Amino acid sequence: MSYSAMADRCDPLEPAVILDTFVQGVGRAEEVSPSLFRVSYFASQRGHDCQEQVCVAKFIVTADTTVAMANATRAREASRRLLGESHSPMN
């Protein structure tokens, strides 16, 4: 079952508080097995002589999940632009 089909069935549960992590970009996407990818995310910080990219999170996701995340982001961005909002409202 794909992620999008599961998302249509019920709301996700958050049994404990999960802190937000600020991410500024996607690092490497490594294939760990057929159709599973380890994707790293980074945030920038000022170093001594340069801007450093520090890994702040890694997720192992299916190819379908990657596509679903990209589509969900595009849909929210298009909606936000259409409505003239400066950012998406909190859910």
C-alpha atoms as a PDB file:
ATOM      1  CA  MET A   1       0.000   0.000   0.000  1.00  0.00           C
ATOM      2  CA  SER A   2       1.386   3.403  -0.932  1.00  0.00           C
ATOM      3  CA  TYR A   3       1.805   6.243   1.555  1.00  0.00           C
ATOM      4  CA  SER A   4      -0.869   8.338  -0.161  1.00  0.00           C
ATOM      5  CA  ALA A   5      -3.395   5.494   0.119  1.00  0.00           C
ATOM      6  CA  MET A   6      -2.624   5.132   3.840  1.00  0.00           C
ATOM      7  CA  ALA A   7      -2.934   8.903   4.366  1.00  0.00           C
ATOM      8  CA  ASP A   8      -6.433   8.852   2.857  1.00  0.00           C
ATOM      9  CA  ARG A   9      -7.595   6.231   5.370  1.00  0.00           C
ATOM     10  CA  CYS A  10      -6.981   7.976   8.717  1.00  0.00           C
ATOM     11  CA  ASP A  11      -5.285  10.904  10.395  1.00  0.00           C
ATOM     12  CA  PRO A  12      -1.714  10.293  11.541  1.00  0.00           C
ATOM     13  CA  LEU A  13      -1.232   9.756  15.271  1.00  0.00           C
ATOM     14  CA  GLU A  14       1.364  11.614  17.325  1.00  0.00           C
ATOM     15  CA  PRO A  15       1.416   9.734  20.657  1.00  0.00           C
ATOM     16  CA  ALA A  16       4.308  11.820  21.999  1.00  0.00           C
ATOM     17  CA  VAL A  17       5.577  15.316  21.289  1.00  0.00           C
ATOM     18  CA  ILE A  18       7.874  15.274  18.271  1.00  0.00           C
ATOM     19  CA  LEU A  19      10.047  18.375  18.047  1.00  0.00           C
ATOM     20  CA  ASP A  20      10.349  20.273  14.792  1.00  0.00           C
ATOM     21  CA  THR A  21      13.758  20.346  13.142  1.00  0.00           C
ATOM     22  CA  PHE A  22      14.685  23.310  10.962  1.00  0.00           C
ATOM     23  CA  VAL A  23      15.949  22.147   7.560  1.00  0.00           C
ATOM     24  CA  GLN A  24      17.413  24.306   4.810  1.00  0.00           C
ATOM     25  CA  GLY A  25      18.234  21.717   2.181  1.00  0.00           C
ATOM     26  CA  VAL A  26      18.490  18.126   1.092  1.00  0.00           C
ATOM     27  CA  GLY A  27      21.896  16.497   1.278  1.00  0.00           C
ATOM     28  CA  ARG A  28      22.576  13.071  -0.122  1.00  0.00           C
ATOM     29  CA  ALA A  29      20.002  10.552  -1.225  1.00  0.00           C
ATOM     30  CA  GLU A  30      21.546   7.087  -1.009  1.00  0.00           C
ATOM     31  CA  GLU A  31      19.837   3.941  -2.251  1.00  0.00           C
ATOM     32  CA  VAL A  32      20.049   1.449   0.630  1.00  0.00           C
ATOM     33  CA  SER A  33      18.016  -1.266  -1.085  1.00  0.00           C
ATOM     34  CA  PRO A  34      15.697  -1.495  -4.074  1.00  0.00           C
ATOM     35  CA  SER A  35      13.144   1.322  -3.671  1.00  0.00           C
ATOM     36  CA  LEU A  36      14.448   2.443  -0.220  1.00  0.00           C
ATOM     37  CA  PHE A  37      16.487   5.625   0.094  1.00  0.00           C
ATOM     38  CA  ARG A  38      18.349   7.254   2.993  1.00  0.00           C
ATOM     39  CA  VAL A  39      17.860  10.993   2.593  1.00  0.00           C
ATOM     40  CA  SER A  40      19.857  13.443   4.694  1.00  0.00           C
ATOM     41  CA  TYR A  41      18.737  16.999   5.427  1.00  0.00           C
ATOM     42  CA  PHE A  42      20.964  19.892   6.452  1.00  0.00           C
ATOM     43  CA  ALA A  43      20.923  23.343   7.979  1.00  0.00           C
ATOM     44  CA  SER A  44      23.592  25.973   7.387  1.00  0.00           C
ATOM     45  CA  GLN A  45      25.712  27.562  10.069  1.00  0.00           C
ATOM     46  CA  ARG A  46      28.551  30.011   9.982  1.00  0.00           C
ATOM     47  CA  GLY A  47      31.967  28.399  10.270  1.00  0.00           C
ATOM     48  CA  HIS A  48      35.364  30.036  10.756  1.00  0.00           C
ATOM     49  CA  ASP A  49      36.018  30.665   7.063  1.00  0.00           C
ATOM     50  CA  CYS A  50      32.886  29.394   5.346  1.00  0.00           C
ATOM     51  CA  GLN A  51      29.229  28.494   5.564  1.00  0.00           C
ATOM     52  CA  GLU A  52      28.976  24.925   6.899  1.00  0.00           C
ATOM     53  CA  GLN A  53      26.194  22.498   6.098  1.00  0.00           C
ATOM     54  CA  VAL A  54      25.364  20.422   9.174  1.00  0.00           C
ATOM     55  CA  CYS A  55      23.301  17.239   8.871  1.00  0.00           C
ATOM     56  CA  VAL A  56      20.250  17.645  11.131  1.00  0.00           C
ATOM     57  CA  ALA A  57      18.151  14.617  10.136  1.00  0.00           C
ATOM     58  CA  LYS A  58      18.216  11.397   8.133  1.00  0.00           C
ATOM     59  CA  PHE A  59      15.207   9.404   7.027  1.00  0.00           C
ATOM     60  CA  ILE A  60      14.875   6.105   5.216  1.00  0.00           C
ATOM     61  CA  VAL A  61      11.947   6.434   2.833  1.00  0.00           C
ATOM     62  CA  THR A  62      10.411   4.529  -0.042  1.00  0.00           C
ATOM     63  CA  ALA A  63      10.453   5.960  -3.543  1.00  0.00           C
ATOM     64  CA  ASP A  64       6.648   6.363  -3.302  1.00  0.00           C
ATOM     65  CA  THR A  65       7.002   8.388  -0.084  1.00  0.00           C
ATOM     66  CA  THR A  66       9.540  10.687  -1.732  1.00  0.00           C
ATOM     67  CA  VAL A  67       7.132  11.361  -4.594  1.00  0.00           C
ATOM     68  CA  ALA A  68       4.218  11.891  -2.168  1.00  0.00           C
ATOM     69  CA  MET A  69       6.251  14.408  -0.104  1.00  0.00           C
ATOM     70  CA  ALA A  70       7.201  16.356  -3.231  1.00  0.00           C
ATOM     71  CA  ASN A  71       3.607  16.388  -4.489  1.00  0.00           C
ATOM     72  CA  ALA A  72       2.232  17.522  -1.094  1.00  0.00           C
ATOM     73  CA  THR A  73       4.784  20.344  -0.936  1.00  0.00           C
ATOM     74  CA  ARG A  74       3.990  21.473  -4.486  1.00  0.00           C
ATOM     75  CA  ALA A  75       0.241  21.424  -3.796  1.00  0.00           C
ATOM     76  CA  ARG A  76       0.605  23.570  -0.641  1.00  0.00           C
ATOM     77  CA  GLU A  77       2.917  26.011  -2.399  1.00  0.00           C
ATOM     78  CA  ALA A  78       0.518  26.390  -5.340  1.00  0.00           C
ATOM     79  CA  SER A  79      -2.417  26.920  -2.979  1.00  0.00           C
ATOM     80  CA  ARG A  80      -0.501  29.498  -0.961  1.00  0.00           C
ATOM     81  CA  ARG A  81       0.430  31.455  -4.082  1.00  0.00           C
ATOM     82  CA  LEU A  82      -3.099  31.290  -5.442  1.00  0.00           C
ATOM     83  CA  LEU A  83      -4.519  32.689  -2.196  1.00  0.00           C
ATOM     84  CA  GLY A  84      -1.768  35.302  -1.888  1.00  0.00           C
ATOM     85  CA  GLU A  85      -0.621  34.043   1.517  1.00  0.00           C
ATOM     86  CA  SER A  86       2.924  34.668   2.716  1.00  0.00           C
ATOM     87  CA  HIS A  87       3.084  31.219   4.343  1.00  0.00           C
ATOM     88  CA  SER A  88       0.894  28.185   4.925  1.00  0.00           C
ATOM     89  CA  PRO A  89      -1.315  28.361   8.009  1.00  0.00           C
ATOM     90  CA  MET A  90      -0.594  25.935  10.835  1.00  0.00           C
ATOM     91  CA  ASN A  91      -2.590  22.694  10.712  1.00  0.00           C
END
